[in-house]
Amino acid sequence: AEVMTMGVKAGVEPESLWHAMRQGAIGRARTFDRIGDRYLQGAYEPASFALALADKDLRLSLELAEEHDVPMRLAELAQADFK
């Protein structure tokens, strides 16, 4: 929800944003399938996404959100875990 709000306020057409999100790694992931396949089995390695990239993505999204006056509390909480 935070990403959609920020994207629309930044001028991205909602349907285009939705399609772009579905093409990314998170949009294609079947999160609940991975819980059974990996996490419940204790298979945490290899990491599926570099933490440095996640930190960079959060930082950039929070900068954009600030420019467009969009609160992103969940992103802020996630970024706090990197510190």
Protein backbone atom coordinates (compact mmCIF):
# COMPACT_ATOMS: atom_id res chain seq x y z
CA ALA A 1 0.00 0.00 0.00
CA GLU A 2 2.85 2.41 0.81
CA VAL A 3 4.49 1.82 -2.57
CA MET A 4 1.25 2.35 -4.49
CA THR A 5 0.49 5.57 -2.61
CA MET A 6 4.00 6.91 -3.13
CA GLY A 7 4.07 5.96 -6.81
CA VAL A 8 0.74 7.58 -7.60
CA LYS A 9 1.66 10.76 -5.72
CA ALA A 10 4.94 10.81 -7.66
CA GLY A 11 2.94 10.78 -10.90
CA VAL A 12 2.99 7.12 -11.95
CA GLU A 13 -0.25 5.80 -13.46
CA PRO A 14 -1.66 3.20 -11.00
CA GLU A 15 -2.09 0.39 -13.52
CA SER A 16 1.43 0.87 -14.89
CA LEU A 17 2.81 0.84 -11.37
CA TRP A 18 0.93 -2.37 -10.56
CA HIS A 19 2.29 -4.10 -13.66
CA ALA A 20 5.84 -2.93 -12.88
CA MET A 21 5.56 -4.22 -9.32
CA ARG A 22 4.33 -7.61 -10.56
CA GLN A 23 7.42 -7.92 -12.77
CA GLY A 24 9.86 -7.46 -9.87
CA ALA A 25 11.20 -10.17 -7.58
CA ILE A 26 8.60 -9.56 -4.87
CA GLY A 27 5.75 -9.37 -7.36
CA ARG A 28 6.61 -12.78 -8.80
CA ALA A 29 7.35 -14.43 -5.46
CA ARG A 30 4.87 -16.84 -4.00
CA THR A 31 5.69 -15.91 -0.43
CA PHE A 32 3.66 -18.59 1.29
CA ASP A 33 5.14 -21.31 -0.93
CA ARG A 34 8.60 -20.32 0.26
CA ILE A 35 7.61 -20.61 3.92
CA GLY A 36 7.04 -24.34 3.54
CA ASP A 37 9.83 -24.97 1.06
CA ARG A 38 12.60 -23.08 2.83
CA TYR A 39 11.90 -21.40 6.12
CA LEU A 40 10.10 -24.22 7.92
CA GLN A 41 12.95 -26.48 6.85
CA GLY A 42 15.53 -24.09 8.29
CA ALA A 43 16.96 -23.36 4.81
CA TYR A 44 17.96 -19.70 5.07
CA GLU A 45 20.99 -19.82 2.80
CA PRO A 46 21.71 -18.61 0.24
CA ALA A 47 20.02 -15.29 0.78
CA SER A 48 17.62 -14.47 -2.02
CA PHE A 49 18.45 -10.74 -1.99
CA ALA A 50 21.54 -8.86 -0.84
CA LEU A 51 20.95 -6.84 2.33
CA ALA A 52 23.03 -3.97 0.95
CA LEU A 53 20.64 -3.71 -2.00
CA ALA A 54 17.60 -3.86 0.28
CA ASP A 55 19.06 -1.07 2.40
CA LYS A 56 19.74 1.05 -0.71
CA ASP A 57 16.22 0.46 -2.04
CA LEU A 58 14.66 1.44 1.28
CA ARG A 59 16.79 4.57 1.50
CA LEU A 60 15.84 5.67 -2.02
CA SER A 61 12.15 4.94 -1.50
CA LEU A 62 12.10 6.91 1.75
CA GLU A 63 13.81 9.86 0.04
CA LEU A 64 11.17 9.83 -2.71
CA ALA A 65 8.38 9.50 -0.15
CA GLU A 66 9.70 12.52 1.72
CA GLU A 67 9.79 14.55 -1.52
CA HIS A 68 6.10 13.77 -2.08
CA ASP A 69 5.01 14.01 1.56
CA VAL A 70 3.99 10.34 1.77
CA PRO A 71 4.28 8.66 5.18
CA MET A 72 5.91 5.22 4.90
CA ARG A 73 5.97 3.84 8.43
CA LEU A 74 6.55 0.21 7.43
CA ALA A 75 9.52 1.16 5.25
CA GLU A 76 10.92 3.26 8.09
CA LEU A 77 10.62 0.32 10.48
CA ALA A 78 12.30 -2.00 7.99
CA GLN A 79 15.17 0.43 7.46
CA ALA A 80 15.65 0.77 11.22
CA ASP A 81 16.49 -2.94 11.30
CA PHE A 82 19.50 -2.27 9.05
CA LYS A 83 21.06 0.12 11.55
